[in-house]
Amino acid sequence: MEHKKLLYRSKKNKIFFGICGGLGEYLNIDPTILRLVWMLVVIFTGLVPGVIAYILAIFIVPEEK
């Protein structure tokens, strides 16, 4: 049986809502690196678009079972 890799919000590797932790697990990247990159993107593109994208991800990406 083939195991499909799905994106979930992480329960075990989270700081706020597990978005970066889940993305790190999905992409096999250290979530700390993703958090640092996300912070740089938010800082350099303006606070509002990054915060809105993160809030949307909270509602769109399901939590890990």
PDB file of N, CA and C in Angstrom:
ATOM      1  N   MET A   1       0.838  -1.173   0.000  1.00  0.00           N
ATOM      2  CA  MET A   1       0.000   0.000   0.000  1.00  0.00           C
ATOM      3  C   MET A   1       0.889   1.244   0.000  1.00  0.00           C
ATOM      4  N   GLU A   2       0.569   2.180  -0.862  1.00  0.00           N
ATOM      5  CA  GLU A   2       1.356   3.399  -0.986  1.00  0.00           C
ATOM      6  C   GLU A   2       0.932   4.412   0.071  1.00  0.00           C
ATOM      7  N   HIS A   3       1.909   4.994   0.744  1.00  0.00           N
ATOM      8  CA  HIS A   3       1.638   5.986   1.785  1.00  0.00           C
ATOM      9  C   HIS A   3       1.754   7.373   1.178  1.00  0.00           C
ATOM     10  N   LYS A   4       0.651   8.115   1.145  1.00  0.00           N
ATOM     11  CA  LYS A   4       0.665   9.478   0.618  1.00  0.00           C
ATOM     12  C   LYS A   4       1.163  10.433   1.683  1.00  0.00           C
ATOM     13  N   LYS A   5       2.027  11.331   1.274  1.00  0.00           N
ATOM     14  CA  LYS A   5       2.566  12.338   2.178  1.00  0.00           C
ATOM     15  C   LYS A   5       1.626  13.536   2.148  1.00  0.00           C
ATOM     16  N   LEU A   6       1.074  13.894   3.309  1.00  0.00           N
ATOM     17  CA  LEU A   6       0.130  14.995   3.399  1.00  0.00           C
ATOM     18  C   LEU A   6       0.665  16.090   4.318  1.00  0.00           C
ATOM     19  N   LEU A   7       0.241  17.306   4.037  1.00  0.00           N
ATOM     20  CA  LEU A   7       0.642  18.451   4.842  1.00  0.00           C
ATOM     21  C   LEU A   7      -0.343  18.635   5.988  1.00  0.00           C
ATOM     22  N   TYR A   8       0.189  18.648   7.205  1.00  0.00           N
ATOM     23  CA  TYR A   8      -0.609  18.867   8.410  1.00  0.00           C
ATOM     24  C   TYR A   8       0.097  19.890   9.293  1.00  0.00           C
ATOM     25  N   ARG A   9      -0.681  20.537  10.170  1.00  0.00           N
ATOM     26  CA  ARG A   9      -0.080  21.348  11.227  1.00  0.00           C
ATOM     27  C   ARG A   9       0.454  20.387  12.274  1.00  0.00           C
ATOM     28  N   SER A  10       1.695  20.555  12.660  1.00  0.00           N
ATOM     29  CA  SER A  10       2.344  19.632  13.586  1.00  0.00           C
ATOM     30  C   SER A  10       1.844  19.845  15.013  1.00  0.00           C
ATOM     31  N   LYS A  11       1.632  18.748  15.712  1.00  0.00           N
ATOM     32  CA  LYS A  11       1.269  18.816  17.138  1.00  0.00           C
ATOM     33  C   LYS A  11       2.513  18.781  18.025  1.00  0.00           C
ATOM     34  N   LYS A  12       3.561  18.101  17.546  1.00  0.00           N
ATOM     35  CA  LYS A  12       4.740  17.919  18.396  1.00  0.00           C
ATOM     36  C   LYS A  12       5.841  18.945  18.133  1.00  0.00           C
ATOM     37  N   ASN A  13       5.797  19.612  16.991  1.00  0.00           N
ATOM     38  CA  ASN A  13       6.839  20.573  16.640  1.00  0.00           C
ATOM     39  C   ASN A  13       6.189  21.908  16.298  1.00  0.00           C
ATOM     40  N   LYS A  14       5.670  22.562  17.330  1.00  0.00           N
ATOM     41  CA  LYS A  14       4.990  23.825  17.080  1.00  0.00           C
ATOM     42  C   LYS A  14       5.381  24.869  18.110  1.00  0.00           C
ATOM     43  N   ILE A  15       5.301  26.114  17.657  1.00  0.00           N
ATOM     44  CA  ILE A  15       5.503  27.241  18.556  1.00  0.00           C
ATOM     45  C   ILE A  15       4.180  27.976  18.705  1.00  0.00           C
ATOM     46  N   PHE A  16       3.572  28.360  17.563  1.00  0.00           N
ATOM     47  CA  PHE A  16       2.260  29.002  17.627  1.00  0.00           C
ATOM     48  C   PHE A  16       1.160  28.018  17.251  1.00  0.00           C
ATOM     49  N   PHE A  17       1.078  27.660  15.994  1.00  0.00           N
ATOM     50  CA  PHE A  17       0.018  26.751  15.566  1.00  0.00           C
ATOM     51  C   PHE A  17       0.536  25.555  14.780  1.00  0.00           C
ATOM     52  N   GLY A  18       1.833  25.384  14.662  1.00  0.00           N
ATOM     53  CA  GLY A  18       2.401  24.208  14.019  1.00  0.00           C
ATOM     54  C   GLY A  18       2.518  24.284  12.508  1.00  0.00           C
ATOM     55  N   ILE A  19       2.350  25.473  11.924  1.00  0.00           N
ATOM     56  CA  ILE A  19       2.436  25.613  10.472  1.00  0.00           C
ATOM     57  C   ILE A  19       3.860  25.328   9.986  1.00  0.00           C
ATOM     58  N   CYS A  20       4.834  25.996  10.529  1.00  0.00           N
ATOM     59  CA  CYS A  20       6.224  25.792  10.106  1.00  0.00           C
ATOM     60  C   CYS A  20       6.726  24.395  10.478  1.00  0.00           C
ATOM     61  N   GLY A  21       6.292  23.885  11.612  1.00  0.00           N
ATOM     62  CA  GLY A  21       6.675  22.526  12.009  1.00  0.00           C
ATOM     63  C   GLY A  21       6.125  21.487  11.049  1.00  0.00           C
ATOM     64  N   GLY A  22       4.873  21.635  10.671  1.00  0.00           N
ATOM     65  CA  GLY A  22       4.264  20.706   9.724  1.00  0.00           C
ATOM     66  C   GLY A  22       4.877  20.818   8.350  1.00  0.00           C
ATOM     67  N   LEU A  23       5.169  22.033   7.914  1.00  0.00           N
ATOM     68  CA  LEU A  23       5.803  22.236   6.614  1.00  0.00           C
ATOM     69  C   LEU A  23       7.214  21.659   6.613  1.00  0.00           C
ATOM     70  N   GLY A  24       7.914  21.809   7.721  1.00  0.00           N
ATOM     71  CA  GLY A  24       9.246  21.226   7.834  1.00  0.00           C
ATOM     72  C   GLY A  24       9.220  19.710   7.772  1.00  0.00           C
ATOM     73  N   GLU A  25       8.252  19.111   8.437  1.00  0.00           N
ATOM     74  CA  GLU A  25       8.117  17.650   8.383  1.00  0.00           C
ATOM     75  C   GLU A  25       7.753  17.195   6.972  1.00  0.00           C
ATOM     76  N   TYR A  26       6.906  17.943   6.298  1.00  0.00           N
ATOM     77  CA  TYR A  26       6.475  17.605   4.941  1.00  0.00           C
ATOM     78  C   TYR A  26       7.634  17.703   3.947  1.00  0.00           C
ATOM     79  N   LEU A  27       8.459  18.751   4.078  1.00  0.00           N
ATOM     80  CA  LEU A  27       9.565  18.983   3.151  1.00  0.00           C
ATOM     81  C   LEU A  27      10.892  18.393   3.618  1.00  0.00           C
ATOM     82  N   ASN A  28      10.917  17.758   4.788  1.00  0.00           N
ATOM     83  CA  ASN A  28      12.144  17.207   5.391  1.00  0.00           C
ATOM     84  C   ASN A  28      13.205  18.291   5.570  1.00  0.00           C
ATOM     85  N   ILE A  29      12.777  19.436   6.101  1.00  0.00           N
ATOM     86  CA  ILE A  29      13.662  20.562   6.397  1.00  0.00           C
ATOM     87  C   ILE A  29      13.496  20.905   7.873  1.00  0.00           C
ATOM     88  N   ASP A  30      14.565  21.352   8.489  1.00  0.00           N
ATOM     89  CA  ASP A  30      14.495  21.768   9.885  1.00  0.00           C
ATOM     90  C   ASP A  30      13.498  22.926  10.027  1.00  0.00           C
ATOM     91  N   PRO A  31      12.463  22.794  10.853  1.00  0.00           N
ATOM     92  CA  PRO A  31      11.473  23.856  11.015  1.00  0.00           C
ATOM     93  C   PRO A  31      12.059  25.181  11.498  1.00  0.00           C
ATOM     94  N   THR A  32      13.178  25.140  12.203  1.00  0.00           N
ATOM     95  CA  THR A  32      13.815  26.380  12.655  1.00  0.00           C
ATOM     96  C   THR A  32      14.262  27.218  11.456  1.00  0.00           C
ATOM     97  N   ILE A  33      14.782  26.567  10.441  1.00  0.00           N
ATOM     98  CA  ILE A  33      15.187  27.277   9.225  1.00  0.00           C
ATOM     99  C   ILE A  33      13.970  27.899   8.559  1.00  0.00           C
ATOM    100  N   LEU A  34      12.878  27.149   8.492  1.00  0.00           N
ATOM    101  CA  LEU A  34      11.656  27.687   7.900  1.00  0.00           C
ATOM    102  C   LEU A  34      11.127  28.875   8.702  1.00  0.00           C
ATOM    103  N   ARG A  35      11.217  28.805  10.004  1.00  0.00           N
ATOM    104  CA  ARG A  35      10.761  29.924  10.841  1.00  0.00           C
ATOM    105  C   ARG A  35      11.604  31.174  10.594  1.00  0.00           C
ATOM    106  N   LEU A  36      12.913  31.000  10.485  1.00  0.00           N
ATOM    107  CA  LEU A  36      13.796  32.141  10.216  1.00  0.00           C
ATOM    108  C   LEU A  36      13.516  32.740   8.840  1.00  0.00           C
ATOM    109  N   VAL A  37      13.346  31.890   7.841  1.00  0.00           N
ATOM    110  CA  VAL A  37      13.031  32.369   6.492  1.00  0.00           C
ATOM    111  C   VAL A  37      11.692  33.085   6.499  1.00  0.00           C
ATOM    112  N   TRP A  38      10.704  32.518   7.197  1.00  0.00           N
ATOM    113  CA  TRP A  38       9.385  33.143   7.265  1.00  0.00           C
ATOM    114  C   TRP A  38       9.473  34.524   7.916  1.00  0.00           C
ATOM    115  N   MET A  39      10.237  34.641   8.978  1.00  0.00           N
ATOM    116  CA  MET A  39      10.384  35.938   9.643  1.00  0.00           C
ATOM    117  C   MET A  39      11.050  36.969   8.719  1.00  0.00           C
ATOM    118  N   LEU A  40      12.054  36.546   7.970  1.00  0.00           N
ATOM    119  CA  LEU A  40      12.696  37.458   7.024  1.00  0.00           C
ATOM    120  C   LEU A  40      11.731  37.893   5.927  1.00  0.00           C
ATOM    121  N   VAL A  41      10.949  36.960   5.426  1.00  0.00           N
ATOM    122  CA  VAL A  41       9.957  37.296   4.398  1.00  0.00           C
ATOM    123  C   VAL A  41       8.946  38.293   4.949  1.00  0.00           C
ATOM    124  N   VAL A  42       8.468  38.058   6.156  1.00  0.00           N
ATOM    125  CA  VAL A  42       7.487  38.963   6.767  1.00  0.00           C
ATOM    126  C   VAL A  42       8.092  40.343   6.986  1.00  0.00           C
ATOM    127  N   ILE A  43       9.321  40.404   7.450  1.00  0.00           N
ATOM    128  CA  ILE A  43       9.965  41.689   7.716  1.00  0.00           C
ATOM    129  C   ILE A  43      10.195  42.475   6.429  1.00  0.00           C
ATOM    130  N   PHE A  44      10.683  41.803   5.384  1.00  0.00           N
ATOM    131  CA  PHE A  44      11.062  42.512   4.165  1.00  0.00           C
ATOM    132  C   PHE A  44       9.899  42.760   3.200  1.00  0.00           C
ATOM    133  N   THR A  45       8.782  42.050   3.347  1.00  0.00           N
ATOM    134  CA  THR A  45       7.647  42.290   2.454  1.00  0.00           C
ATOM    135  C   THR A  45       6.542  43.083   3.137  1.00  0.00           C
ATOM    136  N   GLY A  46       6.705  43.363   4.361  1.00  0.00           N
ATOM    137  CA  GLY A  46       5.671  44.078   5.103  1.00  0.00           C
ATOM    138  C   GLY A  46       4.974  43.114   6.042  1.00  0.00           C
ATOM    139  N   LEU A  47       4.578  43.588   7.147  1.00  0.00           N
ATOM    140  CA  LEU A  47       4.014  42.745   8.193  1.00  0.00           C
ATOM    141  C   LEU A  47       2.659  42.164   7.819  1.00  0.00           C
ATOM    142  N   VAL A  48       1.806  42.962   7.211  1.00  0.00           N
ATOM    143  CA  VAL A  48       0.413  42.561   6.979  1.00  0.00           C
ATOM    144  C   VAL A  48       0.272  41.352   6.049  1.00  0.00           C
ATOM    145  N   PRO A  49       0.913  41.301   4.859  1.00  0.00           N
ATOM    146  CA  PRO A  49       0.724  40.131   3.985  1.00  0.00           C
ATOM    147  C   PRO A  49       1.174  38.816   4.629  1.00  0.00           C
ATOM    148  N   GLY A  50       2.298  38.856   5.341  1.00  0.00           N
ATOM    149  CA  GLY A  50       2.799  37.642   5.982  1.00  0.00           C
ATOM    150  C   GLY A  50       1.890  37.150   7.092  1.00  0.00           C
ATOM    151  N   VAL A  51       1.367  38.070   7.873  1.00  0.00           N
ATOM    152  CA  VAL A  51       0.459  37.698   8.967  1.00  0.00           C
ATOM    153  C   VAL A  51      -0.850  37.146   8.401  1.00  0.00           C
ATOM    154  N   ILE A  52      -1.364  37.764   7.360  1.00  0.00           N
ATOM    155  CA  ILE A  52      -2.599  37.277   6.737  1.00  0.00           C
ATOM    156  C   ILE A  52      -2.387  35.880   6.163  1.00  0.00           C
ATOM    157  N   ALA A  53      -1.250  35.656   5.493  1.00  0.00           N
ATOM    158  CA  ALA A  53      -0.956  34.335   4.932  1.00  0.00           C
ATOM    159  C   ALA A  53      -0.863  33.280   6.037  1.00  0.00           C
ATOM    160  N   TYR A  54      -0.250  33.629   7.168  1.00  0.00           N
ATOM    161  CA  TYR A  54      -0.116  32.684   8.274  1.00  0.00           C
ATOM    162  C   TYR A  54      -1.493  32.360   8.873  1.00  0.00           C
ATOM    163  N   ILE A  55      -2.319  33.379   9.036  1.00  0.00           N
ATOM    164  CA  ILE A  55      -3.663  33.161   9.587  1.00  0.00           C
ATOM    165  C   ILE A  55      -4.493  32.294   8.646  1.00  0.00           C
ATOM    166  N   LEU A  56      -4.393  32.538   7.344  1.00  0.00           N
ATOM    167  CA  LEU A  56      -5.107  31.695   6.381  1.00  0.00           C
ATOM    168  C   LEU A  56      -4.623  30.250   6.453  1.00  0.00           C
ATOM    169  N   ALA A  57      -3.313  30.068   6.607  1.00  0.00           N
ATOM    170  CA  ALA A  57      -2.752  28.711   6.703  1.00  0.00           C
ATOM    171  C   ALA A  57      -3.282  27.983   7.946  1.00  0.00           C
ATOM    172  N   ILE A  58      -3.502  28.719   9.018  1.00  0.00           N
ATOM    173  CA  ILE A  58      -4.032  28.099  10.234  1.00  0.00           C
ATOM    174  C   ILE A  58      -5.397  27.461   9.961  1.00  0.00           C
ATOM    175  N   PHE A  59      -6.215  28.146   9.164  1.00  0.00           N
ATOM    176  CA  PHE A  59      -7.561  27.647   8.888  1.00  0.00           C
ATOM    177  C   PHE A  59      -7.605  26.646   7.737  1.00  0.00           C
ATOM    178  N   ILE A  60      -6.650  26.715   6.817  1.00  0.00           N
ATOM    179  CA  ILE A  60      -6.666  25.845   5.632  1.00  0.00           C
ATOM    180  C   ILE A  60      -5.977  24.503   5.897  1.00  0.00           C
ATOM    181  N   VAL A  61      -4.825  24.540   6.548  1.00  0.00           N
ATOM    182  CA  VAL A  61      -4.032  23.313   6.775  1.00  0.00           C
ATOM    183  C   VAL A  61      -4.611  22.579   7.997  1.00  0.00           C
ATOM    184  N   PRO A  62      -5.025  21.315   7.814  1.00  0.00           N
ATOM    185  CA  PRO A  62      -5.606  20.583   8.953  1.00  0.00           C
ATOM    186  C   PRO A  62      -4.554  20.196   9.982  1.00  0.00           C
ATOM    187  N   GLU A  63      -5.003  20.033  11.228  1.00  0.00           N
ATOM    188  CA  GLU A  63      -4.098  19.626  12.306  1.00  0.00           C
ATOM    189  C   GLU A  63      -3.804  18.129  12.209  1.00  0.00           C
ATOM    190  N   GLU A  64      -2.598  17.774  12.589  1.00  0.00           N
ATOM    191  CA  GLU A  64      -2.157  16.374  12.578  1.00  0.00           C
ATOM    192  C   GLU A  64      -3.062  15.521  13.469  1.00  0.00           C
ATOM    193  N   LYS A  65      -3.326  14.314  13.047  1.00  0.00           N
ATOM    194  CA  LYS A  65      -4.208  13.415  13.799  1.00  0.00           C
ATOM    195  C   LYS A  65      -3.482  12.727  14.914  1.00  0.00           C
TER     196      LYS A  65
END
